[in-house]
PDB file of N, CA and C in Angstrom:
ATOM      1  N   GLN A   1      30.694  60.538 -29.685  1.00  0.00           N
ATOM      2  CA  GLN A   1      31.783  61.486 -29.889  1.00  0.00           C
ATOM      3  C   GLN A   1      32.581  61.623 -28.598  1.00  0.00           C
ATOM      4  N   VAL A   2      33.901  61.588 -28.730  1.00  0.00           N
ATOM      5  CA  VAL A   2      34.800  61.716 -27.593  1.00  0.00           C
ATOM      6  C   VAL A   2      35.814  62.803 -27.902  1.00  0.00           C
ATOM      7  N   GLN A   3      35.991  63.702 -26.975  1.00  0.00           N
ATOM      8  CA  GLN A   3      37.030  64.725 -27.100  1.00  0.00           C
ATOM      9  C   GLN A   3      38.111  64.447 -26.070  1.00  0.00           C
ATOM     10  N   LEU A   4      39.362  64.566 -26.492  1.00  0.00           N
ATOM     11  CA  LEU A   4      40.498  64.220 -25.649  1.00  0.00           C
ATOM     12  C   LEU A   4      41.422  65.415 -25.498  1.00  0.00           C
ATOM     13  N   VAL A   5      41.907  65.623 -24.280  1.00  0.00           N
ATOM     14  CA  VAL A   5      42.845  66.717 -24.024  1.00  0.00           C
ATOM     15  C   VAL A   5      44.008  66.163 -23.208  1.00  0.00           C
ATOM     16  N   GLU A   6      45.206  66.226 -23.786  1.00  0.00           N
ATOM     17  CA  GLU A   6      46.401  65.768 -23.085  1.00  0.00           C
ATOM     18  C   GLU A   6      47.017  66.903 -22.272  1.00  0.00           C
ATOM     19  N   SER A   7      47.703  66.532 -21.218  1.00  0.00           N
ATOM     20  CA  SER A   7      48.450  67.497 -20.429  1.00  0.00           C
ATOM     21  C   SER A   7      49.601  66.781 -19.738  1.00  0.00           C
ATOM     22  N   GLY A   8      50.537  67.559 -19.216  1.00  0.00           N
ATOM     23  CA  GLY A   8      51.624  66.984 -18.436  1.00  0.00           C
ATOM     24  C   GLY A   8      52.978  66.949 -19.115  1.00  0.00           C
ATOM     25  N   GLY A   9      53.024  67.347 -20.382  1.00  0.00           N
ATOM     26  CA  GLY A   9      54.302  67.356 -21.072  1.00  0.00           C
ATOM     27  C   GLY A   9      55.212  68.458 -20.559  1.00  0.00           C
ATOM     28  N   GLY A  10      56.467  68.451 -21.020  1.00  0.00           N
ATOM     29  CA  GLY A  10      57.390  69.479 -20.612  1.00  0.00           C
ATOM     30  C   GLY A  10      58.815  69.134 -20.961  1.00  0.00           C
ATOM     31  N   LEU A  11      59.728  69.947 -20.445  1.00  0.00           N
ATOM     32  CA  LEU A  11      61.164  69.751 -20.650  1.00  0.00           C
ATOM     33  C   LEU A  11      61.758  69.144 -19.388  1.00  0.00           C
ATOM     34  N   VAL A  12      62.382  67.985 -19.525  1.00  0.00           N
ATOM     35  CA  VAL A  12      62.992  67.304 -18.387  1.00  0.00           C
ATOM     36  C   VAL A  12      64.384  66.824 -18.763  1.00  0.00           C
ATOM     37  N   GLN A  13      65.135  66.420 -17.753  1.00  0.00           N
ATOM     38  CA  GLN A  13      66.476  65.892 -17.976  1.00  0.00           C
ATOM     39  C   GLN A  13      66.431  64.375 -18.089  1.00  0.00           C
ATOM     40  N   PRO A  14      67.429  63.778 -18.722  1.00  0.00           N
ATOM     41  CA  PRO A  14      67.490  62.312 -18.785  1.00  0.00           C
ATOM     42  C   PRO A  14      67.413  61.708 -17.392  1.00  0.00           C
ATOM     43  N   GLY A  15      66.618  60.655 -17.280  1.00  0.00           N
ATOM     44  CA  GLY A  15      66.436  59.983 -16.008  1.00  0.00           C
ATOM     45  C   GLY A  15      65.251  60.485 -15.203  1.00  0.00           C
ATOM     46  N   ASP A  16      64.696  61.609 -15.596  1.00  0.00           N
ATOM     47  CA  ASP A  16      63.537  62.163 -14.899  1.00  0.00           C
ATOM     48  C   ASP A  16      62.261  61.415 -15.249  1.00  0.00           C
ATOM     49  N   SER A  17      61.181  61.802 -14.573  1.00  0.00           N
ATOM     50  CA  SER A  17      59.863  61.203 -14.803  1.00  0.00           C
ATOM     51  C   SER A  17      58.846  62.279 -15.173  1.00  0.00           C
ATOM     52  N   LEU A  18      57.819  61.860 -15.897  1.00  0.00           N
ATOM     53  CA  LEU A  18      56.677  62.708 -16.220  1.00  0.00           C
ATOM     54  C   LEU A  18      55.419  61.867 -16.176  1.00  0.00           C
ATOM     55  N   LEU A  19      54.314  62.512 -15.807  1.00  0.00           N
ATOM     56  CA  LEU A  19      53.014  61.853 -15.849  1.00  0.00           C
ATOM     57  C   LEU A  19      52.147  62.607 -16.838  1.00  0.00           C
ATOM     58  N   LEU A  20      51.807  61.948 -17.938  1.00  0.00           N
ATOM     59  CA  LEU A  20      50.890  62.526 -18.907  1.00  0.00           C
ATOM     60  C   LEU A  20      49.456  62.119 -18.555  1.00  0.00           C
ATOM     61  N   SER A  21      48.542  63.052 -18.748  1.00  0.00           N
ATOM     62  CA  SER A  21      47.127  62.778 -18.526  1.00  0.00           C
ATOM     63  C   SER A  21      46.355  63.000 -19.811  1.00  0.00           C
ATOM     64  N   CYS A  22      45.283  62.262 -19.957  1.00  0.00           N
ATOM     65  CA  CYS A  22      44.408  62.381 -21.118  1.00  0.00           C
ATOM     66  C   CYS A  22      42.980  62.446 -20.582  1.00  0.00           C
ATOM     67  N   ALA A  23      42.413  63.642 -20.579  1.00  0.00           N
ATOM     68  CA  ALA A  23      41.058  63.835 -20.073  1.00  0.00           C
ATOM     69  C   ALA A  23      40.069  63.710 -21.221  1.00  0.00           C
ATOM     70  N   ALA A  24      39.037  62.905 -21.010  1.00  0.00           N
ATOM     71  CA  ALA A  24      38.059  62.630 -22.060  1.00  0.00           C
ATOM     72  C   ALA A  24      36.682  63.167 -21.692  1.00  0.00           C
ATOM     73  N   SER A  25      35.973  63.622 -22.701  1.00  0.00           N
ATOM     74  CA  SER A  25      34.585  64.022 -22.508  1.00  0.00           C
ATOM     75  C   SER A  25      33.689  62.818 -22.780  1.00  0.00           C
ATOM     76  N   GLY A  26      32.435  62.933 -22.436  1.00  0.00           N
ATOM     77  CA  GLY A  26      31.507  61.867 -22.756  1.00  0.00           C
ATOM     78  C   GLY A  26      31.251  60.935 -21.587  1.00  0.00           C
ATOM     79  N   ARG A  27      30.112  60.262 -21.623  1.00  0.00           N
ATOM     80  CA  ARG A  27      29.715  59.416 -20.515  1.00  0.00           C
ATOM     81  C   ARG A  27      30.064  57.952 -20.719  1.00  0.00           C
ATOM     82  N   THR A  28      30.613  57.618 -21.885  1.00  0.00           N
ATOM     83  CA  THR A  28      30.889  56.218 -22.175  1.00  0.00           C
ATOM     84  C   THR A  28      32.374  55.955 -22.304  1.00  0.00           C
ATOM     85  N   PHE A  29      33.175  56.666 -21.545  1.00  0.00           N
ATOM     86  CA  PHE A  29      34.633  56.533 -21.634  1.00  0.00           C
ATOM     87  C   PHE A  29      35.070  55.092 -21.427  1.00  0.00           C
ATOM     88  N   SER A  30      34.405  54.371 -20.561  1.00  0.00           N
ATOM     89  CA  SER A  30      34.804  53.001 -20.259  1.00  0.00           C
ATOM     90  C   SER A  30      34.576  52.041 -21.423  1.00  0.00           C
ATOM     91  N   SER A  31      33.847  52.482 -22.429  1.00  0.00           N
ATOM     92  CA  SER A  31      33.624  51.655 -23.613  1.00  0.00           C
ATOM     93  C   SER A  31      34.753  51.760 -24.625  1.00  0.00           C
ATOM     94  N   TYR A  32      35.654  52.694 -24.411  1.00  0.00           N
ATOM     95  CA  TYR A  32      36.704  52.965 -25.383  1.00  0.00           C
ATOM     96  C   TYR A  32      38.073  52.534 -24.879  1.00  0.00           C
ATOM     97  N   ALA A  33      38.819  51.898 -25.748  1.00  0.00           N
ATOM     98  CA  ALA A  33      40.236  51.696 -25.464  1.00  0.00           C
ATOM     99  C   ALA A  33      40.960  53.036 -25.602  1.00  0.00           C
ATOM    100  N   VAL A  34      42.050  53.171 -24.874  1.00  0.00           N
ATOM    101  CA  VAL A  34      42.891  54.355 -24.978  1.00  0.00           C
ATOM    102  C   VAL A  34      44.288  53.929 -25.418  1.00  0.00           C
ATOM    103  N   GLY A  35      44.819  54.663 -26.332  1.00  0.00           N
ATOM    104  CA  GLY A  35      46.183  54.410 -26.776  1.00  0.00           C
ATOM    105  C   GLY A  35      47.021  55.664 -26.658  1.00  0.00           C
ATOM    106  N   TRP A  36      48.289  55.487 -26.372  1.00  0.00           N
ATOM    107  CA  TRP A  36      49.259  56.576 -26.416  1.00  0.00           C
ATOM    108  C   TRP A  36      50.201  56.318 -27.596  1.00  0.00           C
ATOM    109  N   PHE A  37      50.406  57.350 -28.380  1.00  0.00           N
ATOM    110  CA  PHE A  37      51.318  57.304 -29.512  1.00  0.00           C
ATOM    111  C   PHE A  37      52.247  58.499 -29.416  1.00  0.00           C
ATOM    112  N   ARG A  38      53.352  58.450 -30.137  1.00  0.00           N
ATOM    113  CA  ARG A  38      54.263  59.592 -30.138  1.00  0.00           C
ATOM    114  C   ARG A  38      54.834  59.793 -31.538  1.00  0.00           C
ATOM    115  N   GLN A  39      55.213  61.026 -31.792  1.00  0.00           N
ATOM    116  CA  GLN A  39      55.802  61.353 -33.087  1.00  0.00           C
ATOM    117  C   GLN A  39      56.948  62.328 -32.882  1.00  0.00           C
ATOM    118  N   ALA A  40      58.136  61.892 -33.245  1.00  0.00           N
ATOM    119  CA  ALA A  40      59.320  62.727 -33.179  1.00  0.00           C
ATOM    120  C   ALA A  40      59.499  63.453 -34.514  1.00  0.00           C
ATOM    121  N   PRO A  41      60.219  64.573 -34.517  1.00  0.00           N
ATOM    122  CA  PRO A  41      60.425  65.324 -35.764  1.00  0.00           C
ATOM    123  C   PRO A  41      61.042  64.452 -36.851  1.00  0.00           C
ATOM    124  N   GLY A  42      60.425  64.471 -38.018  1.00  0.00           N
ATOM    125  CA  GLY A  42      60.938  63.719 -39.151  1.00  0.00           C
ATOM    126  C   GLY A  42      60.665  62.234 -39.111  1.00  0.00           C
ATOM    127  N   LYS A  43      59.902  61.790 -38.111  1.00  0.00           N
ATOM    128  CA  LYS A  43      59.612  60.363 -37.990  1.00  0.00           C
ATOM    129  C   LYS A  43      58.112  60.117 -38.037  1.00  0.00           C
ATOM    130  N   GLU A  44      57.749  58.869 -38.301  1.00  0.00           N
ATOM    131  CA  GLU A  44      56.343  58.509 -38.317  1.00  0.00           C
ATOM    132  C   GLU A  44      55.811  58.359 -36.890  1.00  0.00           C
ATOM    133  N   ARG A  45      54.513  58.500 -36.772  1.00  0.00           N
ATOM    134  CA  ARG A  45      53.885  58.299 -35.476  1.00  0.00           C
ATOM    135  C   ARG A  45      54.045  56.840 -35.066  1.00  0.00           C
ATOM    136  N   GLU A  46      54.418  56.617 -33.810  1.00  0.00           N
ATOM    137  CA  GLU A  46      54.635  55.248 -33.354  1.00  0.00           C
ATOM    138  C   GLU A  46      53.832  54.929 -32.105  1.00  0.00           C
ATOM    139  N   PHE A  47      53.484  53.675 -31.990  1.00  0.00           N
ATOM    140  CA  PHE A  47      52.724  53.164 -30.855  1.00  0.00           C
ATOM    141  C   PHE A  47      53.572  53.173 -29.592  1.00  0.00           C
ATOM    142  N   VAL A  48      52.957  53.566 -28.484  1.00  0.00           N
ATOM    143  CA  VAL A  48      53.622  53.530 -27.185  1.00  0.00           C
ATOM    144  C   VAL A  48      52.959  52.507 -26.263  1.00  0.00           C
ATOM    145  N   SER A  49      51.661  52.671 -26.026  1.00  0.00           N
ATOM    146  CA  SER A  49      50.981  51.768 -25.115  1.00  0.00           C
ATOM    147  C   SER A  49      49.480  51.912 -25.297  1.00  0.00           C
ATOM    148  N   THR A  50      48.743  50.869 -24.921  1.00  0.00           N
ATOM    149  CA  THR A  50      47.296  50.911 -24.996  1.00  0.00           C
ATOM    150  C   THR A  50      46.686  50.119 -23.864  1.00  0.00           C
ATOM    151  N   ILE A  51      45.459  50.483 -23.509  1.00  0.00           N
ATOM    152  CA  ILE A  51      44.729  49.812 -22.440  1.00  0.00           C
ATOM    153  C   ILE A  51      43.274  49.693 -22.875  1.00  0.00           C
ATOM    154  N   THR A  52      42.670  48.545 -22.607  1.00  0.00           N
ATOM    155  CA  THR A  52      41.267  48.356 -22.959  1.00  0.00           C
ATOM    156  C   THR A  52      40.360  49.195 -22.068  1.00  0.00           C
ATOM    157  N   GLY A  53      39.100  49.311 -22.477  1.00  0.00           N
ATOM    158  CA  GLY A  53      38.148  50.127 -21.750  1.00  0.00           C
ATOM    159  C   GLY A  53      37.957  49.689 -20.309  1.00  0.00           C
ATOM    160  N   ASN A  54      37.981  48.390 -20.100  1.00  0.00           N
ATOM    161  CA  ASN A  54      37.813  47.882 -18.732  1.00  0.00           C
ATOM    162  C   ASN A  54      39.137  47.737 -17.992  1.00  0.00           C
ATOM    163  N   GLY A  55      40.229  48.142 -18.623  1.00  0.00           N
ATOM    164  CA  GLY A  55      41.535  48.069 -17.984  1.00  0.00           C
ATOM    165  C   GLY A  55      42.108  46.672 -17.877  1.00  0.00           C
ATOM    166  N   GLY A  56      41.451  45.708 -18.508  1.00  0.00           N
ATOM    167  CA  GLY A  56      41.856  44.327 -18.341  1.00  0.00           C
ATOM    168  C   GLY A  56      43.032  43.889 -19.187  1.00  0.00           C
ATOM    169  N   HIS A  57      43.361  44.644 -20.199  1.00  0.00           N
ATOM    170  CA  HIS A  57      44.472  44.268 -21.072  1.00  0.00           C
ATOM    171  C   HIS A  57      45.301  45.488 -21.417  1.00  0.00           C
ATOM    172  N   ILE A  58      46.598  45.330 -21.319  1.00  0.00           N
ATOM    173  CA  ILE A  58      47.555  46.393 -21.636  1.00  0.00           C
ATOM    174  C   ILE A  58      48.599  45.840 -22.601  1.00  0.00           C
ATOM    175  N   SER A  59      48.962  46.671 -23.552  1.00  0.00           N
ATOM    176  CA  SER A  59      50.053  46.337 -24.453  1.00  0.00           C
ATOM    177  C   SER A  59      50.997  47.530 -24.510  1.00  0.00           C
ATOM    178  N   THR A  60      52.295  47.262 -24.493  1.00  0.00           N
ATOM    179  CA  THR A  60      53.296  48.333 -24.447  1.00  0.00           C
ATOM    180  C   THR A  60      54.421  48.026 -25.428  1.00  0.00           C
ATOM    181  N   ALA A  61      54.902  49.062 -26.095  1.00  0.00           N
ATOM    182  CA  ALA A  61      55.994  48.903 -27.043  1.00  0.00           C
ATOM    183  C   ALA A  61      57.277  48.479 -26.326  1.00  0.00           C
ATOM    184  N   ASP A  62      58.061  47.657 -26.998  1.00  0.00           N
ATOM    185  CA  ASP A  62      59.309  47.171 -26.410  1.00  0.00           C
ATOM    186  C   ASP A  62      60.243  48.313 -26.026  1.00  0.00           C
ATOM    187  N   SER A  63      60.216  49.375 -26.808  1.00  0.00           N
ATOM    188  CA  SER A  63      61.147  50.492 -26.589  1.00  0.00           C
ATOM    189  C   SER A  63      60.911  51.212 -25.263  1.00  0.00           C
ATOM    190  N   VAL A  64      59.720  51.084 -24.699  1.00  0.00           N
ATOM    191  CA  VAL A  64      59.408  51.775 -23.444  1.00  0.00           C
ATOM    192  C   VAL A  64      58.975  50.817 -22.342  1.00  0.00           C
ATOM    193  N   ASN A  65      58.871  49.553 -22.655  1.00  0.00           N
ATOM    194  CA  ASN A  65      58.428  48.560 -21.674  1.00  0.00           C
ATOM    195  C   ASN A  65      59.371  48.540 -20.478  1.00  0.00           C
ATOM    196  N   GLY A  66      58.766  48.589 -19.300  1.00  0.00           N
ATOM    197  CA  GLY A  66      59.564  48.631 -18.074  1.00  0.00           C
ATOM    198  C   GLY A  66      59.856  50.047 -17.595  1.00  0.00           C
ATOM    199  N   ARG A  67      59.621  51.027 -18.458  1.00  0.00           N
ATOM    200  CA  ARG A  67      59.822  52.438 -18.074  1.00  0.00           C
ATOM    201  C   ARG A  67      58.509  53.214 -18.088  1.00  0.00           C
ATOM    202  N   PHE A  68      57.618  52.894 -19.013  1.00  0.00           N
ATOM    203  CA  PHE A  68      56.339  53.597 -19.138  1.00  0.00           C
ATOM    204  C   PHE A  68      55.205  52.680 -18.675  1.00  0.00           C
ATOM    205  N   THR A  69      54.213  53.275 -18.013  1.00  0.00           N
ATOM    206  CA  THR A  69      53.059  52.519 -17.540  1.00  0.00           C
ATOM    207  C   THR A  69      51.786  53.269 -17.874  1.00  0.00           C
ATOM    208  N   ILE A  70      50.893  52.594 -18.568  1.00  0.00           N
ATOM    209  CA  ILE A  70      49.599  53.177 -18.889  1.00  0.00           C
ATOM    210  C   ILE A  70      48.583  52.760 -17.834  1.00  0.00           C
ATOM    211  N   SER A  71      47.634  53.651 -17.551  1.00  0.00           N
ATOM    212  CA  SER A  71      46.558  53.327 -16.614  1.00  0.00           C
ATOM    213  C   SER A  71      45.369  54.215 -16.956  1.00  0.00           C
ATOM    214  N   ARG A  72      44.253  53.942 -16.307  1.00  0.00           N
ATOM    215  CA  ARG A  72      43.068  54.755 -16.520  1.00  0.00           C
ATOM    216  C   ARG A  72      42.214  54.755 -15.271  1.00  0.00           C
ATOM    217  N   ASP A  73      41.442  55.819 -15.119  1.00  0.00           N
ATOM    218  CA  ASP A  73      40.461  55.941 -14.041  1.00  0.00           C
ATOM    219  C   ASP A  73      39.146  56.311 -14.714  1.00  0.00           C
ATOM    220  N   ASN A  74      38.306  55.315 -14.935  1.00  0.00           N
ATOM    221  CA  ASN A  74      37.065  55.564 -15.667  1.00  0.00           C
ATOM    222  C   ASN A  74      36.104  56.477 -14.913  1.00  0.00           C
ATOM    223  N   ALA A  75      36.190  56.474 -13.594  1.00  0.00           N
ATOM    224  CA  ALA A  75      35.337  57.374 -12.805  1.00  0.00           C
ATOM    225  C   ALA A  75      35.698  58.835 -13.057  1.00  0.00           C
ATOM    226  N   LYS A  76      36.958  59.075 -13.434  1.00  0.00           N
ATOM    227  CA  LYS A  76      37.416  60.431 -13.709  1.00  0.00           C
ATOM    228  C   LYS A  76      37.531  60.713 -15.204  1.00  0.00           C
ATOM    229  N   ASN A  77      37.138  59.748 -16.037  1.00  0.00           N
ATOM    230  CA  ASN A  77      37.250  59.907 -17.492  1.00  0.00           C
ATOM    231  C   ASN A  77      38.663  60.326 -17.907  1.00  0.00           C
ATOM    232  N   THR A  78      39.648  59.710 -17.292  1.00  0.00           N
ATOM    233  CA  THR A  78      41.030  60.112 -17.538  1.00  0.00           C
ATOM    234  C   THR A  78      41.931  58.888 -17.687  1.00  0.00           C
ATOM    235  N   ALA A  79      42.850  58.977 -18.631  1.00  0.00           N
ATOM    236  CA  ALA A  79      43.888  57.966 -18.790  1.00  0.00           C
ATOM    237  C   ALA A  79      45.234  58.625 -18.533  1.00  0.00           C
ATOM    238  N   TYR A  80      46.208  57.803 -18.191  1.00  0.00           N
ATOM    239  CA  TYR A  80      47.511  58.319 -17.800  1.00  0.00           C
ATOM    240  C   TYR A  80      48.634  57.545 -18.494  1.00  0.00           C
ATOM    241  N   LEU A  81      49.762  58.198 -18.612  1.00  0.00           N
ATOM    242  CA  LEU A  81      50.976  57.528 -19.046  1.00  0.00           C
ATOM    243  C   LEU A  81      52.097  57.990 -18.108  1.00  0.00           C
ATOM    244  N   GLN A  82      52.488  57.096 -17.213  1.00  0.00           N
ATOM    245  CA  GLN A  82      53.589  57.391 -16.307  1.00  0.00           C
ATOM    246  C   GLN A  82      54.882  57.037 -17.020  1.00  0.00           C
ATOM    247  N   MET A  83      55.763  58.009 -17.162  1.00  0.00           N
ATOM    248  CA  MET A  83      57.006  57.816 -17.887  1.00  0.00           C
ATOM    249  C   MET A  83      58.183  58.017 -16.932  1.00  0.00           C
ATOM    250  N   ASN A  84      58.928  56.955 -16.727  1.00  0.00           N
ATOM    251  CA  ASN A  84      60.093  56.988 -15.840  1.00  0.00           C
ATOM    252  C   ASN A  84      61.372  56.774 -16.638  1.00  0.00           C
ATOM    253  N   SER A  85      62.491  57.122 -16.035  1.00  0.00           N
ATOM    254  CA  SER A  85      63.811  56.917 -16.655  1.00  0.00           C
ATOM    255  C   SER A  85      63.825  57.430 -18.094  1.00  0.00           C
ATOM    256  N   LEU A  86      63.382  58.642 -18.266  1.00  0.00           N
ATOM    257  CA  LEU A  86      63.263  59.196 -19.614  1.00  0.00           C
ATOM    258  C   LEU A  86      64.621  59.351 -20.275  1.00  0.00           C
ATOM    259  N   LYS A  87      64.624  59.134 -21.589  1.00  0.00           N
ATOM    260  CA  LYS A  87      65.832  59.217 -22.392  1.00  0.00           C
ATOM    261  C   LYS A  87      65.652  60.285 -23.481  1.00  0.00           C
ATOM    262  N   PRO A  88      66.736  60.816 -24.005  1.00  0.00           N
ATOM    263  CA  PRO A  88      66.597  61.805 -25.095  1.00  0.00           C
ATOM    264  C   PRO A  88      65.784  61.275 -26.276  1.00  0.00           C
ATOM    265  N   GLU A  89      65.882  59.994 -26.542  1.00  0.00           N
ATOM    266  CA  GLU A  89      65.141  59.422 -27.665  1.00  0.00           C
ATOM    267  C   GLU A  89      63.642  59.328 -27.402  1.00  0.00           C
ATOM    268  N   ASP A  90      63.212  59.635 -26.188  1.00  0.00           N
ATOM    269  CA  ASP A  90      61.771  59.704 -25.894  1.00  0.00           C
ATOM    270  C   ASP A  90      61.178  61.060 -26.287  1.00  0.00           C
ATOM    271  N   THR A  91      62.016  61.981 -26.707  1.00  0.00           N
ATOM    272  CA  THR A  91      61.528  63.295 -27.121  1.00  0.00           C
ATOM    273  C   THR A  91      60.590  63.175 -28.303  1.00  0.00           C
ATOM    274  N   ALA A  92      59.388  63.723 -28.153  1.00  0.00           N
ATOM    275  CA  ALA A  92      58.358  63.620 -29.191  1.00  0.00           C
ATOM    276  C   ALA A  92      57.119  64.368 -28.741  1.00  0.00           C
ATOM    277  N   VAL A  93      56.186  64.519 -29.655  1.00  0.00           N
ATOM    278  CA  VAL A  93      54.834  64.927 -29.289  1.00  0.00           C
ATOM    279  C   VAL A  93      54.057  63.657 -28.962  1.00  0.00           C
ATOM    280  N   TYR A  94      53.456  63.649 -27.804  1.00  0.00           N
ATOM    281  CA  TYR A  94      52.701  62.483 -27.350  1.00  0.00           C
ATOM    282  C   TYR A  94      51.206  62.739 -27.522  1.00  0.00           C
ATOM    283  N   TYR A  95      50.545  61.773 -28.138  1.00  0.00           N
ATOM    284  CA  TYR A  95      49.117  61.871 -28.402  1.00  0.00           C
ATOM    285  C   TYR A  95      48.373  60.751 -27.685  1.00  0.00           C
ATOM    286  N   CYS A  96      47.219  61.080 -27.141  1.00  0.00           N
ATOM    287  CA  CYS A  96      46.338  60.010 -26.692  1.00  0.00           C
ATOM    288  C   CYS A  96      45.209  59.859 -27.706  1.00  0.00           C
ATOM    289  N   ALA A  97      44.691  58.659 -27.781  1.00  0.00           N
ATOM    290  CA  ALA A  97      43.653  58.336 -28.738  1.00  0.00           C
ATOM    291  C   ALA A  97      42.661  57.390 -28.091  1.00  0.00           C
ATOM    292  N   ALA A  98      41.431  57.451 -28.562  1.00  0.00           N
ATOM    293  CA  ALA A  98      40.380  56.562 -28.055  1.00  0.00           C
ATOM    294  C   ALA A  98      39.699  55.900 -29.237  1.00  0.00           C
ATOM    295  N   GLY A  99      39.283  54.675 -29.031  1.00  0.00           N
ATOM    296  CA  GLY A  99      38.627  53.986 -30.127  1.00  0.00           C
ATOM    297  C   GLY A  99      37.989  52.694 -29.705  1.00  0.00           C
ATOM    298  N   GLY A 100      37.286  52.089 -30.671  1.00  0.00           N
ATOM    299  CA  GLY A 100      36.677  50.809 -30.408  1.00  0.00           C
ATOM    300  C   GLY A 100      35.256  50.930 -29.932  1.00  0.00           C
ATOM    301  N   SER A 101      34.579  49.823 -29.898  1.00  0.00           N
ATOM    302  CA  SER A 101      33.208  49.783 -29.392  1.00  0.00           C
ATOM    303  C   SER A 101      33.101  48.584 -28.474  1.00  0.00           C
ATOM    304  N   GLY A 102      33.295  48.858 -27.233  1.00  0.00           N
ATOM    305  CA  GLY A 102      33.271  47.754 -26.280  1.00  0.00           C
ATOM    306  C   GLY A 102      34.460  47.830 -25.358  1.00  0.00           C
ATOM    307  N   PRO A 103      34.351  47.301 -24.162  1.00  0.00           N
ATOM    308  CA  PRO A 103      35.366  47.487 -23.129  1.00  0.00           C
ATOM    309  C   PRO A 103      36.548  46.529 -23.186  1.00  0.00           C
ATOM    310  N   THR A 104      36.529  45.582 -24.139  1.00  0.00           N
ATOM    311  CA  THR A 104      37.577  44.561 -24.098  1.00  0.00           C
ATOM    312  C   THR A 104      38.459  44.522 -25.336  1.00  0.00           C
ATOM    313  N   ARG A 105      38.293  45.475 -26.231  1.00  0.00           N
ATOM    314  CA  ARG A 105      39.070  45.460 -27.467  1.00  0.00           C
ATOM    315  C   ARG A 105      40.048  46.616 -27.506  1.00  0.00           C
ATOM    316  N   THR A 106      41.159  46.408 -28.173  1.00  0.00           N
ATOM    317  CA  THR A 106      42.084  47.494 -28.453  1.00  0.00           C
ATOM    318  C   THR A 106      43.002  47.071 -29.585  1.00  0.00           C
ATOM    319  N   SER A 107      43.922  47.955 -29.932  1.00  0.00           N
ATOM    320  CA  SER A 107      44.821  47.694 -31.037  1.00  0.00           C
ATOM    321  C   SER A 107      46.094  48.501 -30.826  1.00  0.00           C
ATOM    322  N   THR A 108      47.168  48.092 -31.509  1.00  0.00           N
ATOM    323  CA  THR A 108      48.395  48.879 -31.499  1.00  0.00           C
ATOM    324  C   THR A 108      48.497  49.749 -32.756  1.00  0.00           C
ATOM    325  N   ARG A 109      47.503  49.671 -33.624  1.00  0.00           N
ATOM    326  CA  ARG A 109      47.520  50.439 -34.869  1.00  0.00           C
ATOM    327  C   ARG A 109      46.844  51.776 -34.697  1.00  0.00           C
ATOM    328  N   ALA A 110      47.506  52.838 -35.113  1.00  0.00           N
ATOM    329  CA  ALA A 110      46.937  54.181 -35.001  1.00  0.00           C
ATOM    330  C   ALA A 110      45.633  54.297 -35.778  1.00  0.00           C
ATOM    331  N   SER A 111      45.539  53.627 -36.906  1.00  0.00           N
ATOM    332  CA  SER A 111      44.347  53.744 -37.752  1.00  0.00           C
ATOM    333  C   SER A 111      43.103  53.176 -37.091  1.00  0.00           C
ATOM    334  N   TRP A 112      43.276  52.350 -36.073  1.00  0.00           N
ATOM    335  CA  TRP A 112      42.126  51.737 -35.384  1.00  0.00           C
ATOM    336  C   TRP A 112      41.427  52.741 -34.481  1.00  0.00           C
ATOM    337  N   PHE A 113      42.157  53.760 -34.034  1.00  0.00           N
ATOM    338  CA  PHE A 113      41.613  54.708 -33.073  1.00  0.00           C
ATOM    339  C   PHE A 113      40.879  55.832 -33.801  1.00  0.00           C
ATOM    340  N   GLU A 114      39.696  56.168 -33.294  1.00  0.00           N
ATOM    341  CA  GLU A 114      38.822  57.127 -33.958  1.00  0.00           C
ATOM    342  C   GLU A 114      39.052  58.564 -33.504  1.00  0.00           C
ATOM    343  N   TYR A 115      39.388  58.736 -32.247  1.00  0.00           N
ATOM    344  CA  TYR A 115      39.452  60.075 -31.670  1.00  0.00           C
ATOM    345  C   TYR A 115      40.869  60.350 -31.177  1.00  0.00           C
ATOM    346  N   TRP A 116      41.332  61.582 -31.388  1.00  0.00           N
ATOM    347  CA  TRP A 116      42.691  61.968 -31.042  1.00  0.00           C
ATOM    348  C   TRP A 116      42.715  63.302 -30.313  1.00  0.00           C
ATOM    349  N   GLY A 117      43.642  63.412 -29.383  1.00  0.00           N
ATOM    350  CA  GLY A 117      43.899  64.685 -28.747  1.00  0.00           C
ATOM    351  C   GLY A 117      44.841  65.534 -29.589  1.00  0.00           C
ATOM    352  N   GLN A 118      45.147  66.702 -29.086  1.00  0.00           N
ATOM    353  CA  GLN A 118      45.970  67.647 -29.842  1.00  0.00           C
ATOM    354  C   GLN A 118      47.465  67.394 -29.645  1.00  0.00           C
ATOM    355  N   GLY A 119      47.812  66.592 -28.662  1.00  0.00           N
ATOM    356  CA  GLY A 119      49.209  66.271 -28.416  1.00  0.00           C
ATOM    357  C   GLY A 119      49.842  67.157 -27.362  1.00  0.00           C
ATOM    358  N   THR A 120      50.856  66.618 -26.693  1.00  0.00           N
ATOM    359  CA  THR A 120      51.625  67.372 -25.709  1.00  0.00           C
ATOM    360  C   THR A 120      53.104  67.076 -25.933  1.00  0.00           C
ATOM    361  N   GLN A 121      53.925  68.118 -25.907  1.00  0.00           N
ATOM    362  CA  GLN A 121      55.339  67.977 -26.210  1.00  0.00           C
ATOM    363  C   GLN A 121      56.102  67.472 -24.995  1.00  0.00           C
ATOM    364  N   VAL A 122      56.914  66.452 -25.212  1.00  0.00           N
ATOM    365  CA  VAL A 122      57.845  65.958 -24.199  1.00  0.00           C
ATOM    366  C   VAL A 122      59.253  66.100 -24.764  1.00  0.00           C
ATOM    367  N   THR A 123      60.095  66.826 -24.059  1.00  0.00           N
ATOM    368  CA  THR A 123      61.479  67.017 -24.479  1.00  0.00           C
ATOM    369  C   THR A 123      62.401  66.560 -23.362  1.00  0.00           C
ATOM    370  N   VAL A 124      63.296  65.649 -23.704  1.00  0.00           N
ATOM    371  CA  VAL A 124      64.245  65.114 -22.738  1.00  0.00           C
ATOM    372  C   VAL A 124      65.635  65.549 -23.177  1.00  0.00           C
ATOM    373  N   SER A 125      66.231  66.422 -22.391  1.00  0.00           N
ATOM    374  CA  SER A 125      67.524  66.985 -22.788  1.00  0.00           C
ATOM    375  C   SER A 125      68.288  67.462 -21.565  1.00  0.00           C
ATOM    376  N   SER A 126      69.590  67.309 -21.616  1.00  0.00           N
ATOM    377  CA  SER A 126      70.428  67.808 -20.535  1.00  0.00           C
ATOM    378  C   SER A 126      70.912  69.224 -20.851  1.00  0.00           C
TER     379      SER A 126
END
């Protein structure tokens, strides 16, 4: 069982940066891939980025590639999403998720992830 708590969301202006954190419980955090997803009002949840348990593989959505960077610190049981050059269309609730069994697997599909945080709101507006 893994419990996830996101933090770091807020209201920012276009072009600003935010660092989202995802703190996980449990002693086997390194066995789980972490994914970041987002959901804007009236839209379906969409994939943002994912990283394998050992940090060896990262996948990022085209819409944020080059602006968002996922990372993790297994010693701190925490994953991060650094978001730069934010745009109004990045406004959404951001969720972190954990899943998989093993340090080298991950997926871009939300259904693959077993555990989810409660989400943190990111609003980009002038």
